[in-house]
């Protein structure tokens, strides 16, 4: 037969199990809430990252476009300079540097075989 002590022990164990279940349910709810908050934060950061990445791509495209435009301007200037020098048959040596470190006394000679001129 079942004794009163056994019934009381069973009641204690059931009460302890109910308390543990209640505690774990509360903890589970808190963890689910925290998980939802973290998921929302992750979604926001992912969206922010995508926005930054899109902005980065636009910046790169802008820089490349500006470089292309600069190359076009440079090529136009060089072509114009070449056309001007070829039109009258003369050559403009104003861009030639005559740094000679004192090795050649004739600093104005553009035809010194490149010994002291830098192109």
PDB file of N, CA and C in Angstrom:
ATOM      1  N   UNK A   1       0.813  -1.155   0.000  1.00  0.00           N
ATOM      2  CA  UNK A   1       0.000   0.000   0.000  1.00  0.00           C
ATOM      3  C   UNK A   1       0.881   1.251   0.000  1.00  0.00           C
ATOM      4  N   UNK A   2       0.355   2.353  -0.472  1.00  0.00           N
ATOM      5  CA  UNK A   2       1.082   3.607  -0.561  1.00  0.00           C
ATOM      6  C   UNK A   2       0.960   4.327   0.765  1.00  0.00           C
ATOM      7  N   UNK A   3       2.087   4.807   1.228  1.00  0.00           N
ATOM      8  CA  UNK A   3       2.070   5.499   2.509  1.00  0.00           C
ATOM      9  C   UNK A   3       1.917   7.004   2.303  1.00  0.00           C
ATOM     10  N   UNK A   4       1.569   7.673   3.374  1.00  0.00           N
ATOM     11  CA  UNK A   4       1.395   9.124   3.345  1.00  0.00           C
ATOM     12  C   UNK A   4       2.711   9.822   3.020  1.00  0.00           C
ATOM     13  N   UNK A   5       3.799   9.290   3.492  1.00  0.00           N
ATOM     14  CA  UNK A   5       5.119   9.869   3.194  1.00  0.00           C
ATOM     15  C   UNK A   5       5.415   9.803   1.696  1.00  0.00           C
ATOM     16  N   UNK A   6       5.056   8.731   1.050  1.00  0.00           N
ATOM     17  CA  UNK A   6       5.292   8.578  -0.386  1.00  0.00           C
ATOM     18  C   UNK A   6       4.448   9.579  -1.181  1.00  0.00           C
ATOM     19  N   UNK A   7       3.211   9.808  -0.752  1.00  0.00           N
ATOM     20  CA  UNK A   7       2.320  10.761  -1.426  1.00  0.00           C
ATOM     21  C   UNK A   7       2.882  12.176  -1.256  1.00  0.00           C
ATOM     22  N   UNK A   8       3.344  12.502  -0.063  1.00  0.00           N
ATOM     23  CA  UNK A   8       3.902  13.830   0.173  1.00  0.00           C
ATOM     24  C   UNK A   8       5.181  14.050  -0.661  1.00  0.00           C
ATOM     25  N   UNK A   9       6.005  13.009  -0.749  1.00  0.00           N
ATOM     26  CA  UNK A   9       7.214  13.093  -1.564  1.00  0.00           C
ATOM     27  C   UNK A   9       6.856  13.294  -3.041  1.00  0.00           C
ATOM     28  N   UNK A  10       5.826  12.570  -3.496  1.00  0.00           N
ATOM     29  CA  UNK A  10       5.356  12.723  -4.872  1.00  0.00           C
ATOM     30  C   UNK A  10       4.843  14.145  -5.114  1.00  0.00           C
ATOM     31  N   UNK A  11       4.096  14.699  -4.172  1.00  0.00           N
ATOM     32  CA  UNK A  11       3.575  16.064  -4.292  1.00  0.00           C
ATOM     33  C   UNK A  11       4.733  17.071  -4.358  1.00  0.00           C
ATOM     34  N   UNK A  12       5.761  16.842  -3.570  1.00  0.00           N
ATOM     35  CA  UNK A  12       6.922  17.736  -3.593  1.00  0.00           C
ATOM     36  C   UNK A  12       7.614  17.685  -4.964  1.00  0.00           C
ATOM     37  N   UNK A  13       7.766  16.472  -5.482  1.00  0.00           N
ATOM     38  CA  UNK A  13       8.428  16.323  -6.778  1.00  0.00           C
ATOM     39  C   UNK A  13       7.584  16.933  -7.902  1.00  0.00           C
ATOM     40  N   UNK A  14       6.258  16.772  -7.844  1.00  0.00           N
ATOM     41  CA  UNK A  14       5.378  17.377  -8.849  1.00  0.00           C
ATOM     42  C   UNK A  14       5.442  18.895  -8.738  1.00  0.00           C
ATOM     43  N   UNK A  15       5.401  19.420  -7.514  1.00  0.00           N
ATOM     44  CA  UNK A  15       5.494  20.866  -7.308  1.00  0.00           C
ATOM     45  C   UNK A  15       6.815  21.411  -7.818  1.00  0.00           C
ATOM     46  N   UNK A  16       7.899  20.693  -7.559  1.00  0.00           N
ATOM     47  CA  UNK A  16       9.219  21.107  -8.031  1.00  0.00           C
ATOM     48  C   UNK A  16       9.267  21.079  -9.566  1.00  0.00           C
ATOM     49  N   UNK A  17       8.669  20.046 -10.160  1.00  0.00           N
ATOM     50  CA  UNK A  17       8.646  19.944 -11.621  1.00  0.00           C
ATOM     51  C   UNK A  17       7.816  21.081 -12.226  1.00  0.00           C
ATOM     52  N   UNK A  18       6.688  21.412 -11.602  1.00  0.00           N
ATOM     53  CA  UNK A  18       5.846  22.506 -12.094  1.00  0.00           C
ATOM     54  C   UNK A  18       6.607  23.833 -12.005  1.00  0.00           C
ATOM     55  N   UNK A  19       7.305  24.052 -10.895  1.00  0.00           N
ATOM     56  CA  UNK A  19       8.108  25.275 -10.751  1.00  0.00           C
ATOM     57  C   UNK A  19       9.190  25.345 -11.832  1.00  0.00           C
ATOM     58  N   UNK A  20       9.849  24.231 -12.058  1.00  0.00           N
ATOM     59  CA  UNK A  20      10.917  24.190 -13.064  1.00  0.00           C
ATOM     60  C   UNK A  20      10.344  24.452 -14.453  1.00  0.00           C
ATOM     61  N   UNK A  21       9.187  23.865 -14.754  1.00  0.00           N
ATOM     62  CA  UNK A  21       8.538  24.082 -16.049  1.00  0.00           C
ATOM     63  C   UNK A  21       8.146  25.547 -16.203  1.00  0.00           C
ATOM     64  N   UNK A  22       7.627  26.150 -15.161  1.00  0.00           N
ATOM     65  CA  UNK A  22       7.242  27.566 -15.191  1.00  0.00           C
ATOM     66  C   UNK A  22       8.476  28.440 -15.418  1.00  0.00           C
ATOM     67  N   UNK A  23       9.551  28.132 -14.699  1.00  0.00           N
ATOM     68  CA  UNK A  23      10.795  28.877 -14.848  1.00  0.00           C
ATOM     69  C   UNK A  23      11.344  28.734 -16.268  1.00  0.00           C
ATOM     70  N   UNK A  24      11.363  27.519 -16.795  1.00  0.00           N
ATOM     71  CA  UNK A  24      11.890  27.293 -18.134  1.00  0.00           C
ATOM     72  C   UNK A  24      11.009  27.951 -19.209  1.00  0.00           C
ATOM     73  N   UNK A  25       9.707  27.963 -18.980  1.00  0.00           N
ATOM     74  CA  UNK A  25       8.795  28.633 -19.928  1.00  0.00           C
ATOM     75  C   UNK A  25       9.066  30.133 -19.964  1.00  0.00           C
ATOM     76  N   UNK A  26       9.287  30.736 -18.805  1.00  0.00           N
ATOM     77  CA  UNK A  26       9.605  32.165 -18.753  1.00  0.00           C
ATOM     78  C   UNK A  26      10.944  32.442 -19.435  1.00  0.00           C
ATOM     79  N   UNK A  27      11.908  31.591 -19.163  1.00  0.00           N
ATOM     80  CA  UNK A  27      13.224  31.750 -19.791  1.00  0.00           C
ATOM     81  C   UNK A  27      13.118  31.586 -21.300  1.00  0.00           C
ATOM     82  N   UNK A  28      12.327  30.623 -21.742  1.00  0.00           N
ATOM     83  CA  UNK A  28      12.108  30.384 -23.173  1.00  0.00           C
ATOM     84  C   UNK A  28      11.482  31.618 -23.825  1.00  0.00           C
ATOM     85  N   UNK A  29      10.489  32.214 -23.167  1.00  0.00           N
ATOM     86  CA  UNK A  29       9.833  33.413 -23.696  1.00  0.00           C
ATOM     87  C   UNK A  29      10.840  34.570 -23.790  1.00  0.00           C
ATOM     88  N   UNK A  30      11.674  34.713 -22.762  1.00  0.00           N
ATOM     89  CA  UNK A  30      12.679  35.777 -22.775  1.00  0.00           C
ATOM     90  C   UNK A  30      13.686  35.548 -23.904  1.00  0.00           C
ATOM     91  N   UNK A  31      14.096  34.305 -24.094  1.00  0.00           N
ATOM     92  CA  UNK A  31      15.041  33.994 -25.162  1.00  0.00           C
ATOM     93  C   UNK A  31      14.419  34.210 -26.547  1.00  0.00           C
ATOM     94  N   UNK A  32      13.158  33.887 -26.694  1.00  0.00           N
ATOM     95  CA  UNK A  32      12.473  34.129 -27.974  1.00  0.00           C
ATOM     96  C   UNK A  32      12.392  35.628 -28.264  1.00  0.00           C
ATOM     97  N   UNK A  33      12.107  36.403 -27.217  1.00  0.00           N
ATOM     98  CA  UNK A  33      12.060  37.862 -27.378  1.00  0.00           C
ATOM     99  C   UNK A  33      13.431  38.389 -27.776  1.00  0.00           C
ATOM    100  N   UNK A  34      14.460  37.924 -27.095  1.00  0.00           N
ATOM    101  CA  UNK A  34      15.823  38.343 -27.398  1.00  0.00           C
ATOM    102  C   UNK A  34      16.213  37.928 -28.818  1.00  0.00           C
ATOM    103  N   UNK A  35      15.825  36.736 -29.214  1.00  0.00           N
ATOM    104  CA  UNK A  35      16.115  36.244 -30.560  1.00  0.00           C
ATOM    105  C   UNK A  35      15.436  37.129 -31.605  1.00  0.00           C
ATOM    106  N   UNK A  36      14.192  37.510 -31.366  1.00  0.00           N
ATOM    107  CA  UNK A  36      13.466  38.392 -32.290  1.00  0.00           C
ATOM    108  C   UNK A  36      14.159  39.755 -32.373  1.00  0.00           C
ATOM    109  N   UNK A  37      14.599  40.285 -31.235  1.00  0.00           N
ATOM    110  CA  UNK A  37      15.305  41.570 -31.224  1.00  0.00           C
ATOM    111  C   UNK A  37      16.604  41.472 -32.025  1.00  0.00           C
ATOM    112  N   UNK A  38      17.337  40.400 -31.815  1.00  0.00           N
ATOM    113  CA  UNK A  38      18.592  40.213 -32.542  1.00  0.00           C
ATOM    114  C   UNK A  38      18.353  40.031 -34.036  1.00  0.00           C
ATOM    115  N   UNK A  39      17.288  39.334 -34.384  1.00  0.00           N
ATOM    116  CA  UNK A  39      16.954  39.147 -35.793  1.00  0.00           C
ATOM    117  C   UNK A  39      16.612  40.491 -36.443  1.00  0.00           C
ATOM    118  N   UNK A  40      15.854  41.322 -35.718  1.00  0.00           N
ATOM    119  CA  UNK A  40      15.520  42.656 -36.227  1.00  0.00           C
ATOM    120  C   UNK A  40      16.773  43.511 -36.393  1.00  0.00           C
ATOM    121  N   UNK A  41      17.682  43.430 -35.419  1.00  0.00           N
ATOM    122  CA  UNK A  41      18.932  44.180 -35.506  1.00  0.00           C
ATOM    123  C   UNK A  41      19.763  43.690 -36.693  1.00  0.00           C
ATOM    124  N   UNK A  42      19.797  42.372 -36.891  1.00  0.00           N
ATOM    125  CA  UNK A  42      20.532  41.810 -38.020  1.00  0.00           C
ATOM    126  C   UNK A  42      19.932  42.279 -39.340  1.00  0.00           C
ATOM    127  N   UNK A  43      18.613  42.275 -39.437  1.00  0.00           N
ATOM    128  CA  UNK A  43      17.950  42.742 -40.654  1.00  0.00           C
ATOM    129  C   UNK A  43      18.283  44.207 -40.929  1.00  0.00           C
ATOM    130  N   UNK A  44      18.277  45.021 -39.873  1.00  0.00           N
ATOM    131  CA  UNK A  44      18.603  46.448 -40.030  1.00  0.00           C
ATOM    132  C   UNK A  44      20.052  46.622 -40.481  1.00  0.00           C
ATOM    133  N   UNK A  45      20.972  45.866 -39.883  1.00  0.00           N
ATOM    134  CA  UNK A  45      22.386  45.962 -40.259  1.00  0.00           C
ATOM    135  C   UNK A  45      22.599  45.456 -41.686  1.00  0.00           C
ATOM    136  N   UNK A  46      21.895  44.420 -42.073  1.00  0.00           N
ATOM    137  CA  UNK A  46      22.005  43.902 -43.432  1.00  0.00           C
ATOM    138  C   UNK A  46      21.526  44.939 -44.433  1.00  0.00           C
ATOM    139  N   UNK A  47      20.428  45.599 -44.124  1.00  0.00           N
ATOM    140  CA  UNK A  47      19.910  46.653 -44.989  1.00  0.00           C
ATOM    141  C   UNK A  47      20.899  47.823 -45.057  1.00  0.00           C
ATOM    142  N   UNK A  48      21.465  48.181 -43.917  1.00  0.00           N
ATOM    143  CA  UNK A  48      22.441  49.270 -43.865  1.00  0.00           C
ATOM    144  C   UNK A  48      23.682  48.903 -44.682  1.00  0.00           C
ATOM    145  N   UNK A  49      24.132  47.663 -44.562  1.00  0.00           N
ATOM    146  CA  UNK A  49      25.290  47.202 -45.320  1.00  0.00           C
ATOM    147  C   UNK A  49      25.014  47.260 -46.817  1.00  0.00           C
ATOM    148  N   UNK A  50      23.829  46.823 -47.214  1.00  0.00           N
ATOM    149  CA  UNK A  50      23.465  46.874 -48.630  1.00  0.00           C
ATOM    150  C   UNK A  50      23.461  48.306 -49.137  1.00  0.00           C
ATOM    151  N   UNK A  51      22.980  49.214 -48.314  1.00  0.00           N
ATOM    152  CA  UNK A  51      22.962  50.630 -48.681  1.00  0.00           C
ATOM    153  C   UNK A  51      24.385  51.157 -48.830  1.00  0.00           C
ATOM    154  N   UNK A  52      25.260  50.823 -47.883  1.00  0.00           N
ATOM    155  CA  UNK A  52      26.659  51.247 -47.963  1.00  0.00           C
ATOM    156  C   UNK A  52      27.338  50.657 -49.195  1.00  0.00           C
ATOM    157  N   UNK A  53      27.039  49.404 -49.475  1.00  0.00           N
ATOM    158  CA  UNK A  53      27.640  48.750 -50.626  1.00  0.00           C
ATOM    159  C   UNK A  53      27.177  49.422 -51.924  1.00  0.00           C
ATOM    160  N   UNK A  54      25.907  49.764 -51.990  1.00  0.00           N
ATOM    161  CA  UNK A  54      25.370  50.468 -53.148  1.00  0.00           C
ATOM    162  C   UNK A  54      26.038  51.836 -53.291  1.00  0.00           C
ATOM    163  N   UNK A  55      26.178  52.550 -52.164  1.00  0.00           N
ATOM    164  CA  UNK A  55      26.848  53.852 -52.193  1.00  0.00           C
ATOM    165  C   UNK A  55      28.298  53.702 -52.638  1.00  0.00           C
ATOM    166  N   UNK A  56      28.963  52.659 -52.177  1.00  0.00           N
ATOM    167  CA  UNK A  56      30.358  52.411 -52.552  1.00  0.00           C
ATOM    168  C   UNK A  56      30.454  52.187 -54.059  1.00  0.00           C
ATOM    169  N   UNK A  57      29.530  51.427 -54.606  1.00  0.00           N
ATOM    170  CA  UNK A  57      29.537  51.185 -56.047  1.00  0.00           C
ATOM    171  C   UNK A  57      29.318  52.487 -56.817  1.00  0.00           C
ATOM    172  N   UNK A  58      28.417  53.348 -56.330  1.00  0.00           N
ATOM    173  CA  UNK A  58      28.178  54.636 -56.987  1.00  0.00           C
ATOM    174  C   UNK A  58      29.422  55.516 -56.909  1.00  0.00           C
ATOM    175  N   UNK A  59      30.107  55.491 -55.764  1.00  0.00           N
ATOM    176  CA  UNK A  59      31.339  56.270 -55.605  1.00  0.00           C
ATOM    177  C   UNK A  59      32.399  55.782 -56.590  1.00  0.00           C
ATOM    178  N   UNK A  60      32.562  54.470 -56.681  1.00  0.00           N
ATOM    179  CA  UNK A  60      33.542  53.913 -57.609  1.00  0.00           C
ATOM    180  C   UNK A  60      33.212  54.296 -59.043  1.00  0.00           C
ATOM    181  N   UNK A  61      31.932  54.206 -59.412  1.00  0.00           N
ATOM    182  CA  UNK A  61      31.521  54.574 -60.762  1.00  0.00           C
ATOM    183  C   UNK A  61      31.803  56.048 -61.028  1.00  0.00           C
ATOM    184  N   UNK A  62      31.551  56.900 -60.035  1.00  0.00           N
ATOM    185  CA  UNK A  62      31.826  58.326 -60.182  1.00  0.00           C
ATOM    186  C   UNK A  62      33.304  58.608 -60.371  1.00  0.00           C
ATOM    187  N   UNK A  63      34.135  57.930 -59.588  1.00  0.00           N
ATOM    188  CA  UNK A  63      35.588  58.110 -59.708  1.00  0.00           C
ATOM    189  C   UNK A  63      36.069  57.642 -61.078  1.00  0.00           C
ATOM    190  N   UNK A  64      35.595  56.481 -61.511  1.00  0.00           N
ATOM    191  CA  UNK A  64      35.998  55.975 -62.821  1.00  0.00           C
ATOM    192  C   UNK A  64      35.523  56.899 -63.943  1.00  0.00           C
ATOM    193  N   UNK A  65      34.338  57.433 -63.799  1.00  0.00           N
ATOM    194  CA  UNK A  65      33.819  58.377 -64.791  1.00  0.00           C
ATOM    195  C   UNK A  65      34.679  59.636 -64.832  1.00  0.00           C
ATOM    196  N   UNK A  66      35.043  60.157 -63.658  1.00  0.00           N
ATOM    197  CA  UNK A  66      35.894  61.344 -63.595  1.00  0.00           C
ATOM    198  C   UNK A  66      37.261  61.061 -64.214  1.00  0.00           C
ATOM    199  N   UNK A  67      37.818  59.890 -63.944  1.00  0.00           N
ATOM    200  CA  UNK A  67      39.116  59.525 -64.532  1.00  0.00           C
ATOM    201  C   UNK A  67      39.016  59.417 -66.048  1.00  0.00           C
ATOM    202  N   UNK A  68      37.930  58.845 -66.542  1.00  0.00           N
ATOM    203  CA  UNK A  68      37.726  58.765 -67.985  1.00  0.00           C
ATOM    204  C   UNK A  68      37.640  60.155 -68.601  1.00  0.00           C
ATOM    205  N   UNK A  69      36.921  61.042 -67.921  1.00  0.00           N
ATOM    206  CA  UNK A  69      36.795  62.409 -68.426  1.00  0.00           C
ATOM    207  C   UNK A  69      38.159  63.105 -68.429  1.00  0.00           C
ATOM    208  N   UNK A  70      38.946  62.892 -67.359  1.00  0.00           N
ATOM    209  CA  UNK A  70      40.286  63.480 -67.313  1.00  0.00           C
ATOM    210  C   UNK A  70      41.168  62.926 -68.427  1.00  0.00           C
ATOM    211  N   UNK A  71      41.071  61.629 -68.674  1.00  0.00           N
ATOM    212  CA  UNK A  71      41.843  61.030 -69.772  1.00  0.00           C
ATOM    213  C   UNK A  71      41.431  61.627 -71.109  1.00  0.00           C
ATOM    214  N   UNK A  72      40.152  61.844 -71.301  1.00  0.00           N
ATOM    215  CA  UNK A  72      39.664  62.439 -72.542  1.00  0.00           C
ATOM    216  C   UNK A  72      40.217  63.847 -72.703  1.00  0.00           C
ATOM    217  N   UNK A  73      40.152  64.637 -71.628  1.00  0.00           N
ATOM    218  CA  UNK A  73      40.688  66.000 -71.680  1.00  0.00           C
ATOM    219  C   UNK A  73      42.184  65.965 -71.960  1.00  0.00           C
ATOM    220  N   UNK A  74      42.903  65.086 -71.276  1.00  0.00           N
ATOM    221  CA  UNK A  74      44.344  64.982 -71.484  1.00  0.00           C
ATOM    222  C   UNK A  74      44.663  64.608 -72.921  1.00  0.00           C
ATOM    223  N   UNK A  75      43.939  63.635 -73.459  1.00  0.00           N
ATOM    224  CA  UNK A  75      44.173  63.219 -74.838  1.00  0.00           C
ATOM    225  C   UNK A  75      43.865  64.353 -75.813  1.00  0.00           C
ATOM    226  N   UNK A  76      42.810  65.101 -75.541  1.00  0.00           N
ATOM    227  CA  UNK A  76      42.460  66.229 -76.399  1.00  0.00           C
ATOM    228  C   UNK A  76      43.555  67.282 -76.371  1.00  0.00           C
ATOM    229  N   UNK A  77      44.057  67.586 -75.184  1.00  0.00           N
ATOM    230  CA  UNK A  77      45.134  68.578 -75.054  1.00  0.00           C
ATOM    231  C   UNK A  77      46.392  68.095 -75.776  1.00  0.00           C
ATOM    232  N   UNK A  78      46.743  66.839 -75.589  1.00  0.00           N
ATOM    233  CA  UNK A  78      47.939  66.301 -76.256  1.00  0.00           C
ATOM    234  C   UNK A  78      47.775  66.291 -77.769  1.00  0.00           C
ATOM    235  N   UNK A  79      46.598  65.912 -78.247  1.00  0.00           N
ATOM    236  CA  UNK A  79      46.350  65.913 -79.690  1.00  0.00           C
ATOM    237  C   UNK A  79      46.408  67.331 -80.237  1.00  0.00           C
ATOM    238  N   UNK A  80      45.874  68.266 -79.494  1.00  0.00           N
ATOM    239  CA  UNK A  80      45.911  69.669 -79.916  1.00  0.00           C
ATOM    240  C   UNK A  80      47.348  70.165 -79.962  1.00  0.00           C
ATOM    241  N   UNK A  81      48.134  69.825 -78.970  1.00  0.00           N
ATOM    242  CA  UNK A  81      49.542  70.237 -78.930  1.00  0.00           C
ATOM    243  C   UNK A  81      50.304  69.608 -80.089  1.00  0.00           C
ATOM    244  N   UNK A  82      50.042  68.345 -80.364  1.00  0.00           N
ATOM    245  CA  UNK A  82      50.706  67.668 -81.481  1.00  0.00           C
ATOM    246  C   UNK A  82      50.284  68.277 -82.814  1.00  0.00           C
ATOM    247  N   UNK A  83      49.012  68.614 -82.944  1.00  0.00           N
ATOM    248  CA  UNK A  83      48.525  69.216 -84.184  1.00  0.00           C
ATOM    249  C   UNK A  83      49.153  70.584 -84.381  1.00  0.00           C
ATOM    250  N   UNK A  84      49.294  71.360 -83.304  1.00  0.00           N
ATOM    251  CA  UNK A  84      49.905  72.678 -83.393  1.00  0.00           C
ATOM    252  C   UNK A  84      51.371  72.568 -83.790  1.00  0.00           C
ATOM    253  N   UNK A  85      52.096  71.621 -83.226  1.00  0.00           N
ATOM    254  CA  UNK A  85      53.521  71.494 -83.537  1.00  0.00           C
ATOM    255  C   UNK A  85      53.723  70.941 -84.937  1.00  0.00           C
ATOM    256  N   UNK A  86      52.819  70.126 -85.423  1.00  0.00           N
ATOM    257  CA  UNK A  86      52.955  69.563 -86.760  1.00  0.00           C
ATOM    258  C   UNK A  86      52.457  70.528 -87.834  1.00  0.00           C
ATOM    259  N   UNK A  87      51.579  71.447 -87.484  1.00  0.00           N
ATOM    260  CA  UNK A  87      51.006  72.358 -88.469  1.00  0.00           C
ATOM    261  C   UNK A  87      52.042  73.324 -89.006  1.00  0.00           C
ATOM    262  N   UNK A  88      52.920  73.845 -88.188  1.00  0.00           N
ATOM    263  CA  UNK A  88      53.905  74.818 -88.668  1.00  0.00           C
ATOM    264  C   UNK A  88      55.283  74.184 -88.871  1.00  0.00           C
ATOM    265  N   UNK A  89      55.400  72.897 -88.625  1.00  0.00           N
ATOM    266  CA  UNK A  89      56.646  72.196 -88.860  1.00  0.00           C
ATOM    267  C   UNK A  89      57.667  72.363 -87.766  1.00  0.00           C
ATOM    268  N   UNK A  90      57.376  73.180 -86.793  1.00  0.00           N
ATOM    269  CA  UNK A  90      58.323  73.372 -85.708  1.00  0.00           C
ATOM    270  C   UNK A  90      57.990  72.441 -84.556  1.00  0.00           C
ATOM    271  N   UNK A  91      58.958  72.241 -83.713  1.00  0.00           N
ATOM    272  CA  UNK A  91      58.784  71.379 -82.561  1.00  0.00           C
ATOM    273  C   UNK A  91      58.976  72.213 -81.314  1.00  0.00           C
ATOM    274  N   UNK A  92      58.098  72.083 -80.371  1.00  0.00           N
ATOM    275  CA  UNK A  92      58.176  72.850 -79.127  1.00  0.00           C
ATOM    276  C   UNK A  92      58.957  72.051 -78.090  1.00  0.00           C
ATOM    277  N   UNK A  93      60.116  72.559 -77.717  1.00  0.00           N
ATOM    278  CA  UNK A  93      60.937  71.880 -76.729  1.00  0.00           C
ATOM    279  C   UNK A  93      60.821  72.521 -75.356  1.00  0.00           C
ATOM    280  N   UNK A  94      59.801  73.280 -75.111  1.00  0.00           N
ATOM    281  CA  UNK A  94      59.675  73.969 -73.834  1.00  0.00           C
ATOM    282  C   UNK A  94      59.472  73.007 -72.671  1.00  0.00           C
ATOM    283  N   UNK A  95      59.032  71.814 -72.942  1.00  0.00           N
ATOM    284  CA  UNK A  95      58.836  70.834 -71.887  1.00  0.00           C
ATOM    285  C   UNK A  95      60.097  70.052 -71.559  1.00  0.00           C
ATOM    286  N   UNK A  96      61.168  70.278 -72.311  1.00  0.00           N
ATOM    287  CA  UNK A  96      62.415  69.546 -72.116  1.00  0.00           C
ATOM    288  C   UNK A  96      63.168  70.154 -70.949  1.00  0.00           C
ATOM    289  N   UNK A  97      63.599  69.303 -70.030  1.00  0.00           N
ATOM    290  CA  UNK A  97      64.379  69.750 -68.885  1.00  0.00           C
ATOM    291  C   UNK A  97      65.856  69.596 -69.208  1.00  0.00           C
ATOM    292  N   UNK A  98      66.624  70.641 -68.961  1.00  0.00           N
ATOM    293  CA  UNK A  98      68.059  70.598 -69.241  1.00  0.00           C
ATOM    294  C   UNK A  98      68.859  70.538 -67.950  1.00  0.00           C
ATOM    295  N   UNK A  99      68.531  69.633 -67.095  1.00  0.00           N
ATOM    296  CA  UNK A  99      69.285  69.467 -65.863  1.00  0.00           C
ATOM    297  C   UNK A  99      70.547  68.692 -66.196  1.00  0.00           C
ATOM    298  N   UNK A 100      71.678  69.290 -65.951  1.00  0.00           N
ATOM    299  CA  UNK A 100      72.913  68.600 -66.328  1.00  0.00           C
ATOM    300  C   UNK A 100      73.903  68.501 -65.194  1.00  0.00           C
ATOM    301  N   UNK A 101      73.587  69.034 -64.060  1.00  0.00           N
ATOM    302  CA  UNK A 101      74.488  68.966 -62.909  1.00  0.00           C
ATOM    303  C   UNK A 101      75.879  69.509 -63.240  1.00  0.00           C
ATOM    304  N   UNK A 102      75.967  70.491 -64.141  1.00  0.00           N
ATOM    305  CA  UNK A 102      77.248  71.117 -64.476  1.00  0.00           C
ATOM    306  C   UNK A 102      78.087  70.319 -65.439  1.00  0.00           C
ATOM    307  N   UNK A 103      77.557  69.243 -66.065  1.00  0.00           N
ATOM    308  CA  UNK A 103      78.336  68.413 -66.965  1.00  0.00           C
ATOM    309  C   UNK A 103      78.431  68.994 -68.366  1.00  0.00           C
ATOM    310  N   UNK A 104      77.471  69.831 -68.766  1.00  0.00           N
ATOM    311  CA  UNK A 104      77.473  70.380 -70.107  1.00  0.00           C
ATOM    312  C   UNK A 104      77.238  71.874 -70.009  1.00  0.00           C
ATOM    313  N   UNK A 105      78.164  72.647 -70.575  1.00  0.00           N
ATOM    314  CA  UNK A 105      78.044  74.090 -70.454  1.00  0.00           C
ATOM    315  C   UNK A 105      76.966  74.648 -71.349  1.00  0.00           C
ATOM    316  N   UNK A 106      76.580  73.967 -72.424  1.00  0.00           N
ATOM    317  CA  UNK A 106      75.580  74.469 -73.359  1.00  0.00           C
ATOM    318  C   UNK A 106      74.210  73.936 -72.932  1.00  0.00           C
ATOM    319  N   UNK A 107      73.547  74.658 -72.041  1.00  0.00           N
ATOM    320  CA  UNK A 107      72.260  74.205 -71.505  1.00  0.00           C
ATOM    321  C   UNK A 107      71.116  74.427 -72.474  1.00  0.00           C
ATOM    322  N   UNK A 108      71.309  75.174 -73.525  1.00  0.00           N
ATOM    323  CA  UNK A 108      70.232  75.481 -74.447  1.00  0.00           C
ATOM    324  C   UNK A 108      70.216  74.579 -75.667  1.00  0.00           C
ATOM    325  N   UNK A 109      71.060  73.580 -75.718  1.00  0.00           N
ATOM    326  CA  UNK A 109      71.129  72.698 -76.871  1.00  0.00           C
ATOM    327  C   UNK A 109      70.189  71.515 -76.682  1.00  0.00           C
ATOM    328  N   UNK A 110      69.022  71.510 -77.368  1.00  0.00           N
ATOM    329  CA  UNK A 110      68.100  70.382 -77.216  1.00  0.00           C
ATOM    330  C   UNK A 110      68.583  69.140 -77.931  1.00  0.00           C
ATOM    331  N   UNK A 111      69.654  69.245 -78.732  1.00  0.00           N
ATOM    332  CA  UNK A 111      70.141  68.105 -79.509  1.00  0.00           C
ATOM    333  C   UNK A 111      71.434  67.560 -78.937  1.00  0.00           C
ATOM    334  N   UNK A 112      71.524  67.486 -77.649  1.00  0.00           N
ATOM    335  CA  UNK A 112      72.775  67.021 -77.040  1.00  0.00           C
ATOM    336  C   UNK A 112      72.753  65.517 -76.791  1.00  0.00           C
ATOM    337  N   UNK A 113      72.100  64.796 -77.669  1.00  0.00           N
ATOM    338  CA  UNK A 113      72.051  63.328 -77.656  1.00  0.00           C
ATOM    339  C   UNK A 113      71.451  62.769 -76.379  1.00  0.00           C
ATOM    340  N   UNK A 114      70.658  63.546 -75.710  1.00  0.00           N
ATOM    341  CA  UNK A 114      69.953  63.053 -74.527  1.00  0.00           C
ATOM    342  C   UNK A 114      70.818  62.869 -73.314  1.00  0.00           C
ATOM    343  N   UNK A 115      72.063  63.320 -73.382  1.00  0.00           N
ATOM    344  CA  UNK A 115      72.962  63.096 -72.265  1.00  0.00           C
ATOM    345  C   UNK A 115      72.515  63.828 -71.027  1.00  0.00           C
ATOM    346  N   UNK A 116      71.951  65.031 -71.200  1.00  0.00           N
ATOM    347  CA  UNK A 116      71.594  65.818 -70.039  1.00  0.00           C
ATOM    348  C   UNK A 116      70.140  66.264 -70.057  1.00  0.00           C
ATOM    349  N   UNK A 117      69.367  65.798 -70.984  1.00  0.00           N
ATOM    350  CA  UNK A 117      67.964  66.217 -71.088  1.00  0.00           C
ATOM    351  C   UNK A 117      67.055  65.111 -70.601  1.00  0.00           C
ATOM    352  N   UNK A 118      65.962  65.515 -70.024  1.00  0.00           N
ATOM    353  CA  UNK A 118      64.977  64.548 -69.550  1.00  0.00           C
ATOM    354  C   UNK A 118      63.681  64.786 -70.310  1.00  0.00           C
ATOM    355  N   UNK A 119      63.191  63.787 -70.972  1.00  0.00           N
ATOM    356  CA  UNK A 119      61.927  63.913 -71.698  1.00  0.00           C
ATOM    357  C   UNK A 119      60.812  63.362 -70.891  1.00  0.00           C
TER     358      UNK A 119
END
